[in-house]
Amino acid sequence: MGNRIRVDKLLAHMGLGTRSEIKRAVKLGMVAVDGRIVKDSGLIVDPDAAEVTYDGTPVIYRDVVYFMLNKPQGVISATEDGRERTVIDLLEPQDRLRDPFPVGRLDKDTVGLLLLTNDGQLAHELLSPRKHVEKTYEALVLGEVGEDDKQAFNAGVTLDDGYETMPAKLRIDRYEQREDGMYSEISLTIMEGKFHQVKRMFEAVGKQVVYLKRVSMGPLLLDDSLPEGSYRELTEEEVDLLRSHKRSVQ
């Protein structure tokens, strides 16, 4: 006996729509189990034994997992590394079984939102440079970030390798005068994910990022109640948001 699951959840997991879209598809008679049209989207099936079709096409079920990690400093965004501790090392043994991987990278000393999944298609959509998925960071910057920086980032800045960034939204939250200089707390939304991009953007305007935290990726927001180093499964609503977003940015 396999892992029994609702048919709407099975189809949503396989990327065929959000739960509400699949409920509509069931109403329209597009879903069948073992050759019989499904009337109830909450029907429980054994995905290993049942033959499920969506609009006439067989659906091969693969158990997908989605974890939201609040990445701590000192771990790297990789699945394995000979020397360094990785984000996969933070997962419980049973949560590593289905080979989740980090969607994108956060630098070793950067904290915050990291999505871990084994859904390669969704990961590809979220990381595709053509999709321009927004990522928002909060940072502490050494230097007085001002209106001129806001305008520069809005126009796009040239990085050290000559790459010109896309327009980015910079918000200045507060200043703090310390013994070694003025610090600025800021929020920055970018649409790319170049190597060390946020740090290099501030270097391009003569300032230094001393702390960096990612708080969102597309429609997915970091759960404030999640301590650094801990993680949880995404809710159905969060998975639906990512799926809807994936289609809307195509």
C-alpha atoms as a PDB file:
ATOM      1  CA  MET A   1       0.000   0.000   0.000  1.00  0.00           C
ATOM      2  CA  GLY A   2       1.489   3.325  -1.043  1.00  0.00           C
ATOM      3  CA  ASN A   3       1.230   6.796   0.390  1.00  0.00           C
ATOM      4  CA  ARG A   4      -2.500   7.596   0.011  1.00  0.00           C
ATOM      5  CA  ILE A   5      -3.308  11.118  -1.089  1.00  0.00           C
ATOM      6  CA  ARG A   6      -6.218  13.283  -2.279  1.00  0.00           C
ATOM      7  CA  VAL A   7      -6.443  13.356  -6.067  1.00  0.00           C
ATOM      8  CA  ASP A   8      -6.461  17.196  -6.173  1.00  0.00           C
ATOM      9  CA  LYS A   9      -3.307  17.308  -4.053  1.00  0.00           C
ATOM     10  CA  LEU A  10      -1.638  14.699  -6.277  1.00  0.00           C
ATOM     11  CA  LEU A  11      -2.379  16.724  -9.431  1.00  0.00           C
ATOM     12  CA  ALA A  12      -1.324  20.003  -7.779  1.00  0.00           C
ATOM     13  CA  HIS A  13       1.934  18.387  -6.663  1.00  0.00           C
ATOM     14  CA  MET A  14       2.615  17.349 -10.239  1.00  0.00           C
ATOM     15  CA  GLY A  15       2.301  20.939 -11.445  1.00  0.00           C
ATOM     16  CA  LEU A  16      -1.041  20.653 -13.228  1.00  0.00           C
ATOM     17  CA  GLY A  17      -2.549  23.681 -11.525  1.00  0.00           C
ATOM     18  CA  THR A  18      -3.459  25.129  -8.155  1.00  0.00           C
ATOM     19  CA  ARG A  19      -5.899  23.215  -5.958  1.00  0.00           C
ATOM     20  CA  SER A  20      -8.747  25.534  -7.041  1.00  0.00           C
ATOM     21  CA  GLU A  21      -7.908  25.103 -10.745  1.00  0.00           C
ATOM     22  CA  ILE A  22      -7.923  21.325 -10.307  1.00  0.00           C
ATOM     23  CA  LYS A  23     -11.297  21.442  -8.512  1.00  0.00           C
ATOM     24  CA  ARG A  24     -12.637  23.212 -11.623  1.00  0.00           C
ATOM     25  CA  ALA A  25     -11.047  20.586 -13.891  1.00  0.00           C
ATOM     26  CA  VAL A  26     -12.752  17.819 -11.849  1.00  0.00           C
ATOM     27  CA  LYS A  27     -16.111  19.630 -12.245  1.00  0.00           C
ATOM     28  CA  LEU A  28     -15.488  19.703 -15.997  1.00  0.00           C
ATOM     29  CA  GLY A  29     -14.886  15.923 -16.029  1.00  0.00           C
ATOM     30  CA  MET A  30     -11.207  16.219 -17.014  1.00  0.00           C
ATOM     31  CA  VAL A  31      -9.859  13.918 -14.274  1.00  0.00           C
ATOM     32  CA  ALA A  32     -10.184  10.129 -14.255  1.00  0.00           C
ATOM     33  CA  VAL A  33      -8.932   7.382 -11.941  1.00  0.00           C
ATOM     34  CA  ASP A  34      -8.623   3.856 -13.353  1.00  0.00           C
ATOM     35  CA  GLY A  35     -10.664   4.933 -16.378  1.00  0.00           C
ATOM     36  CA  ARG A  36     -13.581   6.418 -14.389  1.00  0.00           C
ATOM     37  CA  ILE A  37     -14.336  10.155 -14.355  1.00  0.00           C
ATOM     38  CA  VAL A  38     -13.752  11.615 -10.884  1.00  0.00           C
ATOM     39  CA  LYS A  39     -16.696  13.554  -9.383  1.00  0.00           C
ATOM     40  CA  ASP A  40     -15.024  14.469  -6.061  1.00  0.00           C
ATOM     41  CA  SER A  41     -11.678  16.303  -6.017  1.00  0.00           C
ATOM     42  CA  GLY A  42     -11.123  15.037  -2.453  1.00  0.00           C
ATOM     43  CA  LEU A  43     -11.116  11.398  -3.575  1.00  0.00           C
ATOM     44  CA  ILE A  44      -8.325   9.483  -1.800  1.00  0.00           C
ATOM     45  CA  VAL A  45      -6.117   7.426  -4.121  1.00  0.00           C
ATOM     46  CA  ASP A  46      -2.996   5.305  -3.840  1.00  0.00           C
ATOM     47  CA  PRO A  47      -0.704   7.060  -6.338  1.00  0.00           C
ATOM     48  CA  ASP A  48       1.475   3.971  -6.751  1.00  0.00           C
ATOM     49  CA  ALA A  49      -1.446   1.728  -7.700  1.00  0.00           C
ATOM     50  CA  ALA A  50      -4.063   3.997  -9.319  1.00  0.00           C
ATOM     51  CA  GLU A  51      -3.932   5.138 -12.930  1.00  0.00           C
ATOM     52  CA  VAL A  52      -4.726   8.841 -12.869  1.00  0.00           C
ATOM     53  CA  THR A  53      -5.323  10.807 -16.061  1.00  0.00           C
ATOM     54  CA  TYR A  54      -5.712  14.551 -16.530  1.00  0.00           C
ATOM     55  CA  ASP A  55      -7.448  15.628 -19.729  1.00  0.00           C
ATOM     56  CA  GLY A  56      -6.725  12.165 -21.129  1.00  0.00           C
ATOM     57  CA  THR A  57      -3.007  12.192 -20.313  1.00  0.00           C
ATOM     58  CA  PRO A  58      -1.608   9.751 -17.707  1.00  0.00           C
ATOM     59  CA  VAL A  59      -0.055  11.455 -14.682  1.00  0.00           C
ATOM     60  CA  ILE A  60       3.065   9.786 -13.290  1.00  0.00           C
ATOM     61  CA  TYR A  61       3.190  10.669  -9.603  1.00  0.00           C
ATOM     62  CA  ARG A  62       6.480  11.630  -8.002  1.00  0.00           C
ATOM     63  CA  ASP A  63       6.527  12.640  -4.375  1.00  0.00           C
ATOM     64  CA  VAL A  64       7.590  16.278  -4.300  1.00  0.00           C
ATOM     65  CA  VAL A  65       8.697  18.213  -1.233  1.00  0.00           C
ATOM     66  CA  TYR A  66       8.931  21.952  -0.596  1.00  0.00           C
ATOM     67  CA  PHE A  67      10.772  23.343   2.421  1.00  0.00           C
ATOM     68  CA  MET A  68      11.250  26.941   3.510  1.00  0.00           C
ATOM     69  CA  LEU A  69      14.591  27.346   5.282  1.00  0.00           C
ATOM     70  CA  ASN A  70      15.724  30.389   7.223  1.00  0.00           C
ATOM     71  CA  LYS A  71      19.363  29.938   6.270  1.00  0.00           C
ATOM     72  CA  PRO A  72      21.892  30.784   8.983  1.00  0.00           C
ATOM     73  CA  GLN A  73      25.385  32.172   8.420  1.00  0.00           C
ATOM     74  CA  GLY A  74      28.230  29.718   7.889  1.00  0.00           C
ATOM     75  CA  VAL A  75      26.451  27.126   5.742  1.00  0.00           C
ATOM     76  CA  ILE A  76      26.654  26.933   1.976  1.00  0.00           C
ATOM     77  CA  SER A  77      23.820  26.619  -0.539  1.00  0.00           C
ATOM     78  CA  ALA A  78      24.786  23.267  -2.016  1.00  0.00           C
ATOM     79  CA  THR A  79      23.672  19.654  -1.697  1.00  0.00           C
ATOM     80  CA  GLU A  80      27.102  18.318  -0.752  1.00  0.00           C
ATOM     81  CA  ASP A  81      30.582  19.622  -0.089  1.00  0.00           C
ATOM     82  CA  GLY A  82      33.691  17.842   1.134  1.00  0.00           C
ATOM     83  CA  ARG A  83      34.654  20.529   3.640  1.00  0.00           C
ATOM     84  CA  GLU A  84      31.774  22.876   4.332  1.00  0.00           C
ATOM     85  CA  ARG A  85      28.462  22.364   6.121  1.00  0.00           C
ATOM     86  CA  THR A  86      25.607  22.615   3.613  1.00  0.00           C
ATOM     87  CA  VAL A  87      21.944  23.586   3.870  1.00  0.00           C
ATOM     88  CA  ILE A  88      21.024  19.909   3.314  1.00  0.00           C
ATOM     89  CA  ASP A  89      22.908  19.072   6.544  1.00  0.00           C
ATOM     90  CA  LEU A  90      20.287  21.182   8.375  1.00  0.00           C
ATOM     91  CA  LEU A  91      17.466  18.839   7.309  1.00  0.00           C
ATOM     92  CA  GLU A  92      16.203  15.900   9.354  1.00  0.00           C
ATOM     93  CA  PRO A  93      17.267  12.524   7.845  1.00  0.00           C
ATOM     94  CA  GLN A  94      13.715  11.698   6.678  1.00  0.00           C
ATOM     95  CA  ASP A  95      13.489  15.061   4.876  1.00  0.00           C
ATOM     96  CA  ARG A  96      16.653  14.311   2.874  1.00  0.00           C
ATOM     97  CA  LEU A  97      15.256  11.067   1.449  1.00  0.00           C
ATOM     98  CA  ARG A  98      13.644  12.668  -1.601  1.00  0.00           C
ATOM     99  CA  ASP A  99      16.803  14.598  -2.531  1.00  0.00           C
ATOM    100  CA  PRO A 100      15.677  18.213  -2.167  1.00  0.00           C
ATOM    101  CA  PHE A 101      18.116  20.866  -3.405  1.00  0.00           C
ATOM    102  CA  PRO A 102      18.367  24.622  -2.832  1.00  0.00           C
ATOM    103  CA  VAL A 103      16.646  26.823  -5.416  1.00  0.00           C
ATOM    104  CA  GLY A 104      19.379  29.333  -6.156  1.00  0.00           C
ATOM    105  CA  ARG A 105      22.145  30.317  -3.795  1.00  0.00           C
ATOM    106  CA  LEU A 106      22.680  32.517  -0.800  1.00  0.00           C
ATOM    107  CA  ASP A 107      26.295  33.366   0.041  1.00  0.00           C
ATOM    108  CA  LYS A 108      27.833  31.572   3.002  1.00  0.00           C
ATOM    109  CA  ASP A 109      27.416  34.624   5.265  1.00  0.00           C
ATOM    110  CA  THR A 110      23.966  35.617   3.943  1.00  0.00           C
ATOM    111  CA  VAL A 111      20.886  34.589   5.946  1.00  0.00           C
ATOM    112  CA  GLY A 112      17.203  34.266   5.203  1.00  0.00           C
ATOM    113  CA  LEU A 113      14.798  32.679   2.781  1.00  0.00           C
ATOM    114  CA  LEU A 114      15.938  29.629   0.849  1.00  0.00           C
ATOM    115  CA  LEU A 115      13.532  27.257  -0.889  1.00  0.00           C
ATOM    116  CA  LEU A 116      14.532  23.579  -0.918  1.00  0.00           C
ATOM    117  CA  THR A 117      12.648  21.244  -3.250  1.00  0.00           C
ATOM    118  CA  ASN A 118      13.008  18.276  -5.593  1.00  0.00           C
ATOM    119  CA  ASP A 119      10.603  19.903  -8.086  1.00  0.00           C
ATOM    120  CA  GLY A 120      13.079  20.603 -10.863  1.00  0.00           C
ATOM    121  CA  GLN A 121      10.565  22.255 -13.156  1.00  0.00           C
ATOM    122  CA  LEU A 122       9.448  24.792 -10.553  1.00  0.00           C
ATOM    123  CA  ALA A 123      13.072  25.485  -9.584  1.00  0.00           C
ATOM    124  CA  HIS A 124      13.962  26.092 -13.233  1.00  0.00           C
ATOM    125  CA  GLU A 125      11.078  28.557 -13.648  1.00  0.00           C
ATOM    126  CA  LEU A 126      12.021  30.475 -10.488  1.00  0.00           C
ATOM    127  CA  LEU A 127      15.690  30.697 -11.501  1.00  0.00           C
ATOM    128  CA  SER A 128      15.290  31.366 -15.225  1.00  0.00           C
ATOM    129  CA  PRO A 129      16.903  34.731 -16.088  1.00  0.00           C
ATOM    130  CA  ARG A 130      14.080  35.333 -18.582  1.00  0.00           C
ATOM    131  CA  LYS A 131      11.437  35.218 -15.849  1.00  0.00           C
ATOM    132  CA  HIS A 132      12.825  38.154 -13.803  1.00  0.00           C
ATOM    133  CA  VAL A 133      11.548  36.757 -10.492  1.00  0.00           C
ATOM    134  CA  GLU A 134      11.795  39.467  -7.809  1.00  0.00           C
ATOM    135  CA  LYS A 135      13.957  38.839  -4.750  1.00  0.00           C
ATOM    136  CA  THR A 136      13.917  41.205  -1.782  1.00  0.00           C
ATOM    137  CA  TYR A 137      16.767  41.605   0.693  1.00  0.00           C
ATOM    138  CA  GLU A 138      17.191  43.545   3.924  1.00  0.00           C
ATOM    139  CA  ALA A 139      20.724  44.777   4.522  1.00  0.00           C
ATOM    140  CA  LEU A 140      22.901  46.762   6.872  1.00  0.00           C
ATOM    141  CA  VAL A 141      25.235  48.920   4.820  1.00  0.00           C
ATOM    142  CA  LEU A 142      28.330  50.819   5.967  1.00  0.00           C
ATOM    143  CA  GLY A 143      27.886  54.292   4.512  1.00  0.00           C
ATOM    144  CA  GLU A 144      25.038  56.770   4.168  1.00  0.00           C
ATOM    145  CA  VAL A 145      22.737  55.396   1.496  1.00  0.00           C
ATOM    146  CA  GLY A 146      20.894  58.302  -0.096  1.00  0.00           C
ATOM    147  CA  GLU A 147      18.529  59.428  -2.847  1.00  0.00           C
ATOM    148  CA  ASP A 148      21.351  59.371  -5.416  1.00  0.00           C
ATOM    149  CA  ASP A 149      21.877  55.636  -4.700  1.00  0.00           C
ATOM    150  CA  LYS A 150      18.143  55.076  -5.037  1.00  0.00           C
ATOM    151  CA  GLN A 151      18.186  56.714  -8.468  1.00  0.00           C
ATOM    152  CA  ALA A 152      21.343  54.857  -9.522  1.00  0.00           C
ATOM    153  CA  PHE A 153      19.838  51.489  -8.567  1.00  0.00           C
ATOM    154  CA  ASN A 154      16.567  52.400 -10.271  1.00  0.00           C
ATOM    155  CA  ALA A 155      18.473  53.080 -13.501  1.00  0.00           C
ATOM    156  CA  GLY A 156      20.726  50.005 -13.097  1.00  0.00           C
ATOM    157  CA  VAL A 157      24.367  50.085 -12.001  1.00  0.00           C
ATOM    158  CA  THR A 158      27.500  48.685 -13.643  1.00  0.00           C
ATOM    159  CA  LEU A 159      29.199  45.944 -11.631  1.00  0.00           C
ATOM    160  CA  ASP A 160      32.952  45.324 -11.398  1.00  0.00           C
ATOM    161  CA  ASP A 161      32.878  42.954 -14.399  1.00  0.00           C
ATOM    162  CA  GLY A 162      31.025  45.430 -16.601  1.00  0.00           C
ATOM    163  CA  TYR A 163      27.609  43.797 -16.191  1.00  0.00           C
ATOM    164  CA  GLU A 164      24.749  46.312 -16.088  1.00  0.00           C
ATOM    165  CA  THR A 165      22.028  45.368 -13.616  1.00  0.00           C
ATOM    166  CA  MET A 166      18.325  45.637 -14.296  1.00  0.00           C
ATOM    167  CA  PRO A 167      16.432  48.403 -12.457  1.00  0.00           C
ATOM    168  CA  ALA A 168      16.229  47.652  -8.729  1.00  0.00           C
ATOM    169  CA  LYS A 169      13.997  49.137  -6.010  1.00  0.00           C
ATOM    170  CA  LEU A 170      15.902  50.549  -3.041  1.00  0.00           C
ATOM    171  CA  ARG A 171      14.167  51.634   0.163  1.00  0.00           C
ATOM    172  CA  ILE A 172      16.033  53.355   2.993  1.00  0.00           C
ATOM    173  CA  ASP A 173      14.608  52.390   6.391  1.00  0.00           C
ATOM    174  CA  ARG A 174      16.847  54.091   8.959  1.00  0.00           C
ATOM    175  CA  TYR A 175      20.336  55.392   9.739  1.00  0.00           C
ATOM    176  CA  GLU A 176      22.536  54.612  12.702  1.00  0.00           C
ATOM    177  CA  GLN A 177      25.658  56.543  13.652  1.00  0.00           C
ATOM    178  CA  ARG A 178      28.336  54.279  15.155  1.00  0.00           C
ATOM    179  CA  GLU A 179      31.926  54.879  16.201  1.00  0.00           C
ATOM    180  CA  ASP A 180      33.264  53.628  12.874  1.00  0.00           C
ATOM    181  CA  GLY A 181      30.810  55.566  10.727  1.00  0.00           C
ATOM    182  CA  MET A 182      27.251  55.891   9.484  1.00  0.00           C
ATOM    183  CA  TYR A 183      25.253  52.736   8.819  1.00  0.00           C
ATOM    184  CA  SER A 184      22.075  52.446   6.741  1.00  0.00           C
ATOM    185  CA  GLU A 185      19.342  49.841   7.085  1.00  0.00           C
ATOM    186  CA  ILE A 186      17.837  49.265   3.652  1.00  0.00           C
ATOM    187  CA  SER A 187      15.542  46.992   1.659  1.00  0.00           C
ATOM    188  CA  LEU A 188      16.457  46.135  -1.947  1.00  0.00           C
ATOM    189  CA  THR A 189      14.406  44.287  -4.571  1.00  0.00           C
ATOM    190  CA  ILE A 190      16.304  42.890  -7.554  1.00  0.00           C
ATOM    191  CA  MET A 191      15.175  40.796 -10.523  1.00  0.00           C
ATOM    192  CA  GLU A 192      18.384  38.863 -11.153  1.00  0.00           C
ATOM    193  CA  GLY A 193      20.619  36.628  -9.101  1.00  0.00           C
ATOM    194  CA  LYS A 194      24.182  37.359 -10.155  1.00  0.00           C
ATOM    195  CA  PHE A 195      27.047  36.156  -7.946  1.00  0.00           C
ATOM    196  CA  HIS A 196      27.270  38.396  -4.811  1.00  0.00           C
ATOM    197  CA  GLN A 197      24.957  40.804  -6.640  1.00  0.00           C
ATOM    198  CA  VAL A 198      23.668  42.927  -3.736  1.00  0.00           C
ATOM    199  CA  LYS A 199      27.160  43.348  -2.274  1.00  0.00           C
ATOM    200  CA  ARG A 200      28.598  44.254  -5.681  1.00  0.00           C
ATOM    201  CA  MET A 201      25.799  46.753  -6.379  1.00  0.00           C
ATOM    202  CA  PHE A 202      26.641  48.630  -3.181  1.00  0.00           C
ATOM    203  CA  GLU A 203      30.363  48.416  -3.966  1.00  0.00           C
ATOM    204  CA  ALA A 204      29.530  50.080  -7.301  1.00  0.00           C
ATOM    205  CA  VAL A 205      28.262  53.130  -5.371  1.00  0.00           C
ATOM    206  CA  GLY A 206      31.136  53.087  -2.861  1.00  0.00           C
ATOM    207  CA  LYS A 207      29.456  51.359   0.079  1.00  0.00           C
ATOM    208  CA  GLN A 208      29.835  48.048   1.909  1.00  0.00           C
ATOM    209  CA  VAL A 209      27.171  45.487   2.883  1.00  0.00           C
ATOM    210  CA  VAL A 210      27.927  44.127   6.360  1.00  0.00           C
ATOM    211  CA  TYR A 211      24.773  42.035   6.892  1.00  0.00           C
ATOM    212  CA  LEU A 212      22.416  40.598   4.299  1.00  0.00           C
ATOM    213  CA  LYS A 213      19.122  38.751   4.679  1.00  0.00           C
ATOM    214  CA  ARG A 214      16.756  37.579   1.943  1.00  0.00           C
ATOM    215  CA  VAL A 215      13.126  38.061   2.939  1.00  0.00           C
ATOM    216  CA  SER A 216      11.245  37.102  -0.238  1.00  0.00           C
ATOM    217  CA  MET A 217      11.521  35.284  -3.555  1.00  0.00           C
ATOM    218  CA  GLY A 218       8.670  35.895  -5.979  1.00  0.00           C
ATOM    219  CA  PRO A 219       5.444  35.550  -3.968  1.00  0.00           C
ATOM    220  CA  LEU A 220       7.125  33.493  -1.207  1.00  0.00           C
ATOM    221  CA  LEU A 221       7.786  35.463   1.998  1.00  0.00           C
ATOM    222  CA  LEU A 222      10.102  34.363   4.787  1.00  0.00           C
ATOM    223  CA  ASP A 223       8.074  33.227   7.801  1.00  0.00           C
ATOM    224  CA  ASP A 224       8.929  35.677  10.609  1.00  0.00           C
ATOM    225  CA  SER A 225       8.376  32.967  13.213  1.00  0.00           C
ATOM    226  CA  LEU A 226      11.058  30.698  11.699  1.00  0.00           C
ATOM    227  CA  PRO A 227      14.347  30.991  13.649  1.00  0.00           C
ATOM    228  CA  GLU A 228      17.632  31.006  11.716  1.00  0.00           C
ATOM    229  CA  GLY A 229      18.745  27.456  10.981  1.00  0.00           C
ATOM    230  CA  SER A 230      15.231  26.001  11.094  1.00  0.00           C
ATOM    231  CA  TYR A 231      12.817  25.099   8.325  1.00  0.00           C
ATOM    232  CA  ARG A 232       9.281  23.956   7.657  1.00  0.00           C
ATOM    233  CA  GLU A 233       7.238  22.526   4.800  1.00  0.00           C
ATOM    234  CA  LEU A 234       5.496  25.056   2.600  1.00  0.00           C
ATOM    235  CA  THR A 235       1.748  25.288   3.095  1.00  0.00           C
ATOM    236  CA  GLU A 236      -0.573  24.298   0.231  1.00  0.00           C
ATOM    237  CA  GLU A 237      -1.315  28.037  -0.200  1.00  0.00           C
ATOM    238  CA  GLU A 238       2.384  28.855  -0.579  1.00  0.00           C
ATOM    239  CA  VAL A 239       2.874  26.077  -3.153  1.00  0.00           C
ATOM    240  CA  ASP A 240      -0.193  27.353  -5.030  1.00  0.00           C
ATOM    241  CA  LEU A 241       1.241  30.893  -4.974  1.00  0.00           C
ATOM    242  CA  LEU A 242       4.504  29.676  -6.505  1.00  0.00           C
ATOM    243  CA  ARG A 243       2.658  27.701  -9.181  1.00  0.00           C
ATOM    244  CA  SER A 244       0.373  30.629 -10.077  1.00  0.00           C
ATOM    245  CA  HIS A 245       3.385  32.947 -10.175  1.00  0.00           C
ATOM    246  CA  LYS A 246       5.266  30.524 -12.405  1.00  0.00           C
ATOM    247  CA  ARG A 247       2.501  30.752 -14.991  1.00  0.00           C
ATOM    248  CA  SER A 248       1.932  34.497 -14.680  1.00  0.00           C
ATOM    249  CA  VAL A 249       5.577  35.355 -15.444  1.00  0.00           C
ATOM    250  CA  GLN A 250       5.860  33.135 -18.509  1.00  0.00           C
END
